[in-house]
Amino acid sequence: MSTPPPPGRRPWSALVTPVLGRPRVRAGLGRVRVAAQPVAWASLAAGVAYAVAGALLGHPYPFFASVAAFSALGFSPDVQPRRVGELAFGVSLGVAMGELIQHEFGSGPVQTTVVVFLAALIGRAIDPSPVVTTQSAVQAIVVLGLPAAASSGGPVGRWTDALLGGLVALVFSLFVPKDPRRRPRMLARTVLAELGDVLALVGRALAQGDTVAAAESLRRGRATQGLLVAWAEAVTASGSTARISPAWRRHAHELVVLDAASEFTDRAVRTSRVLARRAGVSVREGVRDPCLAGLVEEVGLAARRLGVALGEGREPIAPREDLEAVAVRLDTRGERDPGRHVVLTLLRSITFDLLRVAGCTEAQATAALGRAGVPGAPDARPGPSTPPAPGEDGAPTP
């Protein structure tokens, strides 16, 4: 039986819960959860690099091996072997420059100025990444700042430590204990769910004449840009890992599929922003169209189901059938109302791209929409070759 707290004293839960409930604290805890596994893996690599350098090179304090290993792996959930190699090279370059200058000219403010200048420029010339340049300069400063007596293994001892640490990091990057499909799958599900919500809001706006829903749909559509970028970056990173890593090479094909899906989803989301703006104009003009709203909502529901299938790594057969079923009803023939014609055209564009996400070829997606009465691929489809008009997708008007 628990003893109640003395009068005037609050229980721990009453003190801790308000703190943990603050948005800043919740965000921090979320970052810790995401970074915990990568940090643990990089920490293990740092320890292994220290031990290997001590055993193989005979250096008593090979701390630059640990520095190089941890700096190269970092704490990003998306570990790319190529990126790890670049960072390891940056650290090794800085250490080598510092060793060379200190061995030939000693340490001091002039030497520090020269070595930072040279290391930064050489790093910039070799690799466009600013992180590589920064690592080169910082490690050169660290080497010059330490007394020469701290060096073990002669004039290139610290450089060999850093080089070995970078190699350990590269090996660790090939065997990251995390399925590279997990993050791209999660982002695919999240983005397509957001697209479904945007279309649901557009449908509500058209059905009820709800200006608030129309404005919210545009706001939500614009807010997806960060998720789209994260999805594309995650697929690139995971694809790089799967192509090189023996443990994950068998999943390379699914990551290629997710890469294509991210591109087509990006196009669909861009078009949904244009649709949200068009719906807002129609609603402000007093338009209510439950029939058209129903079509928009059906496409949104199919988008959500498509996201669930991709997120679970399943073949999206049912969502594809849903999209094909609604595609045959997106007929613009004989549509005399200009506003309704625009909405139907935009919805055809979104459906076309979602059919591509669902695994249809361009010919199959075109045929599905062609059965609605208009042959050929949908028009007004924003994409890399036909960017949306300024301001239409949330981008600032020039």
Protein backbone atom coordinates (compact mmCIF):
# COMPACT_ATOMS: atom_id res chain seq x y z
CA MET A 1 0.00 0.00 0.00
CA SER A 2 1.53 3.29 -1.12
CA THR A 3 1.98 6.11 1.33
CA PRO A 4 0.44 9.44 0.27
CA PRO A 5 2.91 12.33 -0.06
CA PRO A 6 3.21 14.63 2.94
CA PRO A 7 1.00 17.74 2.91
CA GLY A 8 2.50 20.53 0.83
CA ARG A 9 4.58 18.17 -1.31
CA ARG A 10 3.51 17.17 -4.82
CA PRO A 11 4.10 13.62 -6.12
CA TRP A 12 6.87 13.13 -8.67
CA SER A 13 4.36 12.41 -11.44
CA ALA A 14 2.73 15.79 -10.88
CA LEU A 15 6.13 17.47 -11.24
CA VAL A 16 7.46 15.46 -14.18
CA THR A 17 4.34 15.16 -16.36
CA PRO A 18 3.95 18.91 -17.10
CA VAL A 19 7.62 19.12 -18.07
CA LEU A 20 7.51 16.08 -20.36
CA GLY A 21 4.32 17.40 -21.92
CA ARG A 22 5.91 20.60 -23.18
CA PRO A 23 6.33 20.73 -26.99
CA ARG A 24 10.06 21.49 -26.80
CA VAL A 25 10.68 18.58 -24.43
CA ARG A 26 8.54 16.21 -26.51
CA ALA A 27 10.44 17.21 -29.64
CA GLY A 28 13.74 16.64 -27.86
CA LEU A 29 12.70 13.19 -26.66
CA GLY A 30 11.59 12.38 -30.19
CA ARG A 31 15.01 13.30 -31.54
CA VAL A 32 16.64 11.13 -28.88
CA ARG A 33 14.52 8.14 -29.89
CA VAL A 34 15.42 8.57 -33.56
CA ALA A 35 19.14 9.10 -32.87
CA ALA A 36 19.61 6.44 -30.16
CA GLN A 37 20.41 3.55 -32.50
CA PRO A 38 22.72 5.50 -34.88
CA VAL A 39 24.58 7.04 -31.93
CA ALA A 40 25.03 3.61 -30.32
CA TRP A 41 26.35 2.20 -33.60
CA ALA A 42 28.77 5.12 -34.09
CA SER A 43 29.92 4.85 -30.47
CA LEU A 44 30.63 1.16 -30.95
CA ALA A 45 32.60 1.98 -34.10
CA ALA A 46 34.64 4.56 -32.17
CA GLY A 47 35.54 1.99 -29.52
CA VAL A 48 36.40 -0.67 -32.09
CA ALA A 49 38.56 1.80 -34.03
CA TYR A 50 40.47 2.70 -30.85
CA ALA A 51 41.06 -0.98 -30.05
CA VAL A 52 42.06 -1.92 -33.60
CA ALA A 53 44.46 1.01 -33.92
CA GLY A 54 46.06 0.12 -30.61
CA ALA A 55 46.41 -3.54 -31.55
CA LEU A 56 47.52 -3.18 -35.17
CA LEU A 57 49.56 0.02 -35.02
CA GLY A 58 50.82 -0.29 -31.46
CA HIS A 59 49.86 3.30 -30.61
CA PRO A 60 49.15 3.78 -26.88
CA TYR A 61 46.59 6.59 -27.35
CA PRO A 62 45.03 6.33 -30.83
CA PHE A 63 42.19 8.74 -30.06
CA PHE A 64 42.11 10.09 -33.64
CA ALA A 65 40.91 6.66 -34.73
CA SER A 66 37.84 7.15 -32.53
CA VAL A 67 37.41 10.75 -33.70
CA ALA A 68 37.45 9.71 -37.35
CA ALA A 69 35.08 6.78 -36.83
CA PHE A 70 32.45 8.73 -34.90
CA SER A 71 32.70 11.85 -37.09
CA ALA A 72 32.26 9.80 -40.25
CA LEU A 73 29.26 7.77 -39.05
CA GLY A 74 27.54 10.55 -37.09
CA PHE A 75 24.01 10.17 -35.76
CA SER A 76 21.87 10.43 -38.88
CA PRO A 77 19.33 7.62 -39.29
CA ASP A 78 20.21 7.53 -43.01
CA VAL A 79 23.76 6.19 -43.21
CA GLN A 80 25.24 6.31 -46.71
CA PRO A 81 28.56 4.48 -47.23
CA ARG A 82 29.60 7.07 -49.81
CA ARG A 83 28.89 9.88 -47.36
CA VAL A 84 30.77 8.07 -44.60
CA GLY A 85 33.75 7.69 -46.90
CA GLU A 86 33.69 11.42 -47.73
CA LEU A 87 33.63 12.44 -44.07
CA ALA A 88 36.36 9.95 -43.17
CA PHE A 89 38.46 11.42 -45.96
CA GLY A 90 37.86 14.93 -44.64
CA VAL A 91 39.01 13.98 -41.15
CA SER A 92 42.08 12.15 -42.49
CA LEU A 93 42.99 15.07 -44.73
CA GLY A 94 42.87 17.55 -41.85
CA VAL A 95 44.95 15.32 -39.61
CA ALA A 96 47.53 14.78 -42.37
CA MET A 97 47.81 18.52 -43.04
CA GLY A 98 48.20 19.25 -39.34
CA GLU A 99 50.83 16.54 -38.94
CA LEU A 100 52.81 17.83 -41.92
CA ILE A 101 52.82 21.48 -40.84
CA GLN A 102 53.63 20.66 -37.21
CA HIS A 103 56.46 18.30 -38.16
CA GLU A 104 58.07 20.80 -40.54
CA PHE A 105 57.31 24.17 -38.94
CA GLY A 106 56.03 23.55 -35.41
CA SER A 107 52.88 25.05 -33.89
CA GLY A 108 51.70 28.62 -33.50
CA PRO A 109 49.21 31.19 -34.77
CA VAL A 110 50.88 31.54 -38.17
CA GLN A 111 51.02 27.79 -38.68
CA THR A 112 47.39 27.47 -37.61
CA THR A 113 46.31 30.13 -40.09
CA VAL A 114 48.21 28.48 -42.92
CA VAL A 115 47.03 24.94 -42.20
CA VAL A 116 43.36 25.94 -41.87
CA PHE A 117 43.57 27.87 -45.15
CA LEU A 118 45.21 25.00 -47.00
CA ALA A 119 43.10 22.20 -45.50
CA ALA A 120 39.85 24.05 -46.21
CA LEU A 121 40.77 24.86 -49.81
CA ILE A 122 42.03 21.35 -50.55
CA GLY A 123 38.92 19.84 -48.98
CA ARG A 124 36.73 22.17 -51.03
CA ALA A 125 38.56 21.31 -54.23
CA ILE A 126 38.26 17.57 -53.67
CA ASP A 127 34.64 17.41 -52.46
CA PRO A 128 31.75 19.91 -52.74
CA SER A 129 30.39 19.01 -49.30
CA PRO A 130 30.85 21.80 -46.72
CA VAL A 131 31.03 19.16 -43.99
CA VAL A 132 34.18 17.67 -45.53
CA THR A 133 35.77 21.12 -45.67
CA THR A 134 34.84 21.83 -42.05
CA GLN A 135 36.15 18.47 -40.83
CA SER A 136 39.44 18.99 -42.66
CA ALA A 137 40.01 22.41 -41.10
CA VAL A 138 38.86 21.45 -37.59
CA GLN A 139 40.99 18.30 -37.39
CA ALA A 140 44.03 20.22 -38.62
CA ILE A 141 43.49 22.74 -35.80
CA VAL A 142 43.17 19.93 -33.24
CA VAL A 143 46.42 18.32 -34.40
CA LEU A 144 48.31 21.61 -34.26
CA GLY A 145 46.83 22.43 -30.87
CA LEU A 146 48.13 19.23 -29.32
CA PRO A 147 51.79 19.05 -28.36
CA ALA A 148 53.99 16.96 -30.62
CA ALA A 149 54.80 14.76 -27.63
CA ALA A 150 51.18 13.57 -27.66
CA SER A 151 51.76 12.01 -31.05
CA SER A 152 52.39 8.28 -31.15
CA GLY A 153 53.83 6.43 -34.08
CA GLY A 154 56.10 9.10 -35.48
CA PRO A 155 55.24 12.07 -37.71
CA VAL A 156 52.36 10.25 -39.41
CA GLY A 157 51.04 8.38 -36.37
CA ARG A 158 47.92 10.45 -35.87
CA TRP A 159 47.20 10.38 -39.58
CA THR A 160 47.34 6.58 -39.69
CA ASP A 161 45.04 6.49 -36.65
CA ALA A 162 42.52 8.70 -38.46
CA LEU A 163 42.81 6.67 -41.65
CA LEU A 164 42.18 3.42 -39.81
CA GLY A 165 39.24 4.97 -37.95
CA GLY A 166 37.73 6.04 -41.26
CA LEU A 167 38.09 2.52 -42.62
CA VAL A 168 36.36 1.09 -39.55
CA ALA A 169 33.51 3.58 -40.03
CA LEU A 170 33.16 2.57 -43.67
CA VAL A 171 32.94 -1.11 -42.73
CA PHE A 172 30.35 -0.32 -40.05
CA SER A 173 28.28 1.64 -42.59
CA LEU A 174 27.94 -1.51 -44.69
CA PHE A 175 26.38 -3.44 -41.82
CA VAL A 176 24.06 -0.92 -40.20
CA PRO A 177 21.69 -2.98 -38.00
CA LYS A 178 18.59 -1.38 -39.46
CA ASP A 179 16.41 -2.32 -42.40
CA PRO A 180 17.07 0.41 -45.01
CA ARG A 181 13.47 0.10 -46.20
CA ARG A 182 11.99 1.14 -42.87
CA ARG A 183 12.32 4.91 -43.14
CA PRO A 184 11.32 5.21 -46.84
CA ARG A 185 8.30 3.00 -46.15
CA MET A 186 7.28 5.10 -43.16
CA LEU A 187 7.63 8.34 -45.11
CA ALA A 188 5.69 6.90 -48.06
CA ARG A 189 2.82 6.03 -45.75
CA THR A 190 2.94 9.45 -44.05
CA VAL A 191 3.05 11.49 -47.26
CA LEU A 192 0.24 9.56 -48.96
CA ALA A 193 -1.86 9.81 -45.80
CA GLU A 194 -1.32 13.58 -45.86
CA LEU A 195 -2.34 13.67 -49.52
CA GLY A 196 -5.46 11.72 -48.63
CA ASP A 197 -6.28 14.23 -45.88
CA VAL A 198 -5.77 17.15 -48.27
CA LEU A 199 -8.17 15.62 -50.79
CA ALA A 200 -10.68 14.85 -48.03
CA LEU A 201 -10.63 18.53 -47.03
CA VAL A 202 -11.07 19.59 -50.66
CA GLY A 203 -14.02 17.22 -50.93
CA ARG A 204 -15.60 18.66 -47.78
CA ALA A 205 -15.10 22.18 -49.09
CA LEU A 206 -16.80 21.37 -52.40
CA ALA A 207 -19.64 19.43 -50.78
CA GLN A 208 -20.48 21.93 -48.02
CA GLY A 209 -19.15 25.21 -49.38
CA ASP A 210 -16.70 25.24 -46.46
CA THR A 211 -14.12 28.00 -46.97
CA VAL A 212 -12.24 26.98 -43.81
CA ALA A 213 -11.76 23.44 -45.15
CA ALA A 214 -10.56 24.84 -48.48
CA ALA A 215 -7.98 27.05 -46.78
CA GLU A 216 -6.86 24.21 -44.52
CA SER A 217 -6.43 21.87 -47.49
CA LEU A 218 -4.05 24.35 -49.12
CA ARG A 219 -2.12 24.83 -45.88
CA ARG A 220 -1.77 21.08 -45.38
CA GLY A 221 -0.73 20.60 -48.98
CA ARG A 222 2.03 23.17 -48.69
CA ALA A 223 3.22 21.67 -45.39
CA THR A 224 3.99 18.34 -47.06
CA GLN A 225 7.05 19.68 -48.88
CA GLY A 226 9.44 18.83 -46.06
CA LEU A 227 8.11 15.26 -45.93
CA LEU A 228 8.52 14.88 -49.68
CA VAL A 229 12.13 16.03 -49.49
CA ALA A 230 12.79 13.70 -46.55
CA TRP A 231 11.28 10.77 -48.47
CA ALA A 232 13.44 11.42 -51.54
CA GLU A 233 16.58 11.76 -49.40
CA ALA A 234 15.78 8.62 -47.40
CA VAL A 235 15.29 6.57 -50.56
CA THR A 236 18.59 7.83 -51.98
CA ALA A 237 20.46 7.00 -48.77
CA SER A 238 18.84 3.60 -48.37
CA GLY A 239 19.39 2.74 -52.02
CA SER A 240 23.07 3.54 -51.66
CA THR A 241 23.30 1.26 -48.63
CA ALA A 242 21.39 -1.58 -50.28
CA ARG A 243 23.52 -1.52 -53.43
CA ILE A 244 26.77 -1.83 -51.47
CA SER A 245 25.84 -3.73 -48.32
CA PRO A 246 25.81 -7.53 -48.64
CA ALA A 247 23.21 -7.71 -45.87
CA TRP A 248 20.62 -5.55 -47.66
CA ARG A 249 21.36 -5.99 -51.38
CA ARG A 250 18.31 -8.20 -51.87
CA HIS A 251 16.04 -5.22 -51.05
CA ALA A 252 17.48 -2.91 -53.72
CA HIS A 253 14.54 -3.48 -56.10
CA GLU A 254 11.92 -2.37 -53.56
CA LEU A 255 13.92 0.80 -52.93
CA VAL A 256 13.95 1.50 -56.67
CA VAL A 257 10.15 1.17 -56.61
CA LEU A 258 9.91 3.52 -53.62
CA ASP A 259 12.18 6.00 -55.39
CA ALA A 260 9.86 6.11 -58.41
CA ALA A 261 6.86 6.33 -56.06
CA SER A 262 8.34 9.37 -54.33
CA GLU A 263 8.66 11.20 -57.65
CA PHE A 264 5.11 10.48 -58.77
CA THR A 265 3.74 11.30 -55.32
CA ASP A 266 5.56 14.62 -55.44
CA ARG A 267 3.77 15.42 -58.70
CA ALA A 268 0.42 14.37 -57.26
CA VAL A 269 0.93 16.55 -54.18
CA ARG A 270 1.88 19.53 -56.33
CA THR A 271 -1.31 19.10 -58.32
CA SER A 272 -3.34 18.74 -55.12
CA ARG A 273 -2.17 22.20 -54.07
CA VAL A 274 -3.44 23.62 -57.35
CA LEU A 275 -6.69 21.72 -56.80
CA ALA A 276 -7.01 23.15 -53.29
CA ARG A 277 -6.58 26.68 -54.63
CA ARG A 278 -9.15 26.05 -57.37
CA ALA A 279 -11.60 24.59 -54.84
CA GLY A 280 -11.16 27.67 -52.66
CA VAL A 281 -12.07 29.92 -55.58
CA SER A 282 -15.14 27.81 -56.39
CA VAL A 283 -16.33 27.79 -52.78
CA ARG A 284 -15.96 31.55 -52.49
CA GLU A 285 -18.09 31.84 -55.63
CA GLY A 286 -20.84 29.87 -53.89
CA VAL A 287 -20.30 26.55 -55.66
CA ARG A 288 -21.43 23.33 -53.99
CA ASP A 289 -20.95 20.09 -55.87
CA PRO A 290 -21.47 16.91 -53.79
CA CYS A 291 -20.98 14.67 -56.84
CA LEU A 292 -17.57 16.16 -57.66
CA ALA A 293 -16.69 16.17 -53.96
CA GLY A 294 -17.39 12.44 -53.82
CA LEU A 295 -14.91 11.78 -56.62
CA VAL A 296 -12.23 13.83 -54.87
CA GLU A 297 -12.81 11.97 -51.61
CA GLU A 298 -12.61 8.59 -53.35
CA VAL A 299 -9.21 9.47 -54.80
CA GLY A 300 -8.10 10.64 -51.34
CA LEU A 301 -9.20 7.37 -49.76
CA ALA A 302 -7.33 5.41 -52.42
CA ALA A 303 -4.22 7.50 -51.72
CA ARG A 304 -4.38 6.61 -48.03
CA ARG A 305 -4.82 2.90 -48.80
CA LEU A 306 -1.92 3.11 -51.24
CA GLY A 307 0.26 4.59 -48.49
CA VAL A 308 -0.64 1.75 -46.13
CA ALA A 309 0.31 -0.83 -48.77
CA LEU A 310 3.67 0.82 -49.49
CA GLY A 311 4.32 1.28 -45.78
CA GLU A 312 3.79 -2.43 -45.17
CA GLY A 313 5.77 -3.50 -48.23
CA ARG A 314 2.72 -5.09 -49.90
CA GLU A 315 1.75 -5.11 -53.56
CA PRO A 316 -0.87 -2.30 -53.82
CA ILE A 317 -3.43 -4.37 -55.72
CA ALA A 318 -6.57 -3.11 -53.94
CA PRO A 319 -5.60 0.60 -54.07
CA ARG A 320 -4.79 0.24 -57.77
CA GLU A 321 -8.23 -1.25 -58.40
CA ASP A 322 -9.83 1.60 -56.42
CA LEU A 323 -8.01 4.17 -58.55
CA GLU A 324 -8.95 2.41 -61.78
CA ALA A 325 -12.59 2.34 -60.65
CA VAL A 326 -12.70 6.09 -60.02
CA ALA A 327 -10.63 6.89 -63.13
CA VAL A 328 -13.38 5.72 -65.49
CA ARG A 329 -15.73 8.33 -63.98
CA LEU A 330 -13.40 11.30 -64.43
CA ASP A 331 -14.92 12.22 -67.78
CA THR A 332 -14.41 15.78 -69.02
CA ARG A 333 -16.28 15.29 -72.31
CA GLY A 334 -19.12 17.70 -72.71
CA GLU A 335 -18.34 19.45 -69.43
CA ARG A 336 -19.42 23.06 -70.05
CA ASP A 337 -18.78 24.50 -66.60
CA PRO A 338 -15.21 25.90 -66.70
CA GLY A 339 -14.60 25.56 -62.97
CA ARG A 340 -15.82 21.97 -62.86
CA HIS A 341 -13.77 21.14 -65.94
CA VAL A 342 -10.60 22.45 -64.24
CA VAL A 343 -11.26 20.42 -61.08
CA LEU A 344 -11.87 17.24 -63.10
CA THR A 345 -8.71 17.80 -65.13
CA LEU A 346 -6.63 18.28 -61.99
CA LEU A 347 -8.19 15.23 -60.38
CA ARG A 348 -7.36 13.19 -63.49
CA SER A 349 -3.76 14.34 -63.16
CA ILE A 350 -3.59 13.26 -59.51
CA THR A 351 -5.19 9.91 -60.35
CA PHE A 352 -2.71 9.35 -63.18
CA ASP A 353 0.27 9.89 -60.86
CA LEU A 354 -1.23 7.72 -58.12
CA LEU A 355 -1.76 4.93 -60.64
CA ARG A 356 1.95 5.19 -61.44
CA VAL A 357 2.72 4.99 -57.70
CA ALA A 358 0.53 1.87 -57.57
CA GLY A 359 2.71 0.19 -60.18
CA CYS A 360 0.90 0.95 -63.44
CA THR A 361 2.96 1.74 -66.50
CA GLU A 362 2.36 5.02 -68.29
CA ALA A 363 0.34 3.21 -70.95
CA GLN A 364 -1.81 1.44 -68.34
CA ALA A 365 -2.50 4.64 -66.41
CA THR A 366 -3.33 6.48 -69.63
CA ALA A 367 -5.65 3.67 -70.71
CA ALA A 368 -7.48 3.74 -67.37
CA LEU A 369 -8.18 7.44 -67.78
CA GLY A 370 -8.77 7.08 -71.52
CA ARG A 371 -11.77 4.91 -70.72
CA ALA A 372 -13.28 8.03 -69.13
CA GLY A 373 -13.50 9.49 -72.60
CA VAL A 374 -10.35 11.52 -73.16
CA PRO A 375 -7.52 9.61 -74.83
CA GLY A 376 -3.93 10.34 -73.94
CA ALA A 377 -2.24 11.24 -70.71
CA PRO A 378 -3.95 13.80 -68.50
CA ASP A 379 -3.20 17.40 -69.21
CA ALA A 380 -2.15 20.09 -66.75
CA ARG A 381 0.09 17.63 -64.94
CA PRO A 382 2.84 19.50 -63.06
CA GLY A 383 6.17 17.76 -63.07
CA PRO A 384 9.87 18.37 -63.55
CA SER A 385 9.36 19.32 -67.21
CA THR A 386 6.21 21.38 -66.63
CA PRO A 387 6.50 23.20 -63.32
CA PRO A 388 3.33 24.63 -61.78
CA ALA A 389 2.56 28.27 -62.18
CA PRO A 390 4.16 30.60 -59.60
CA GLY A 391 2.17 30.60 -56.39
CA GLU A 392 0.01 27.64 -57.43
CA ASP A 393 1.85 25.03 -55.37
CA GLY A 394 2.77 27.17 -52.43
CA ALA A 395 6.00 28.47 -53.93
CA PRO A 396 6.53 32.22 -53.68
CA THR A 397 5.57 34.22 -56.70
CA PRO A 398 8.65 35.74 -58.34
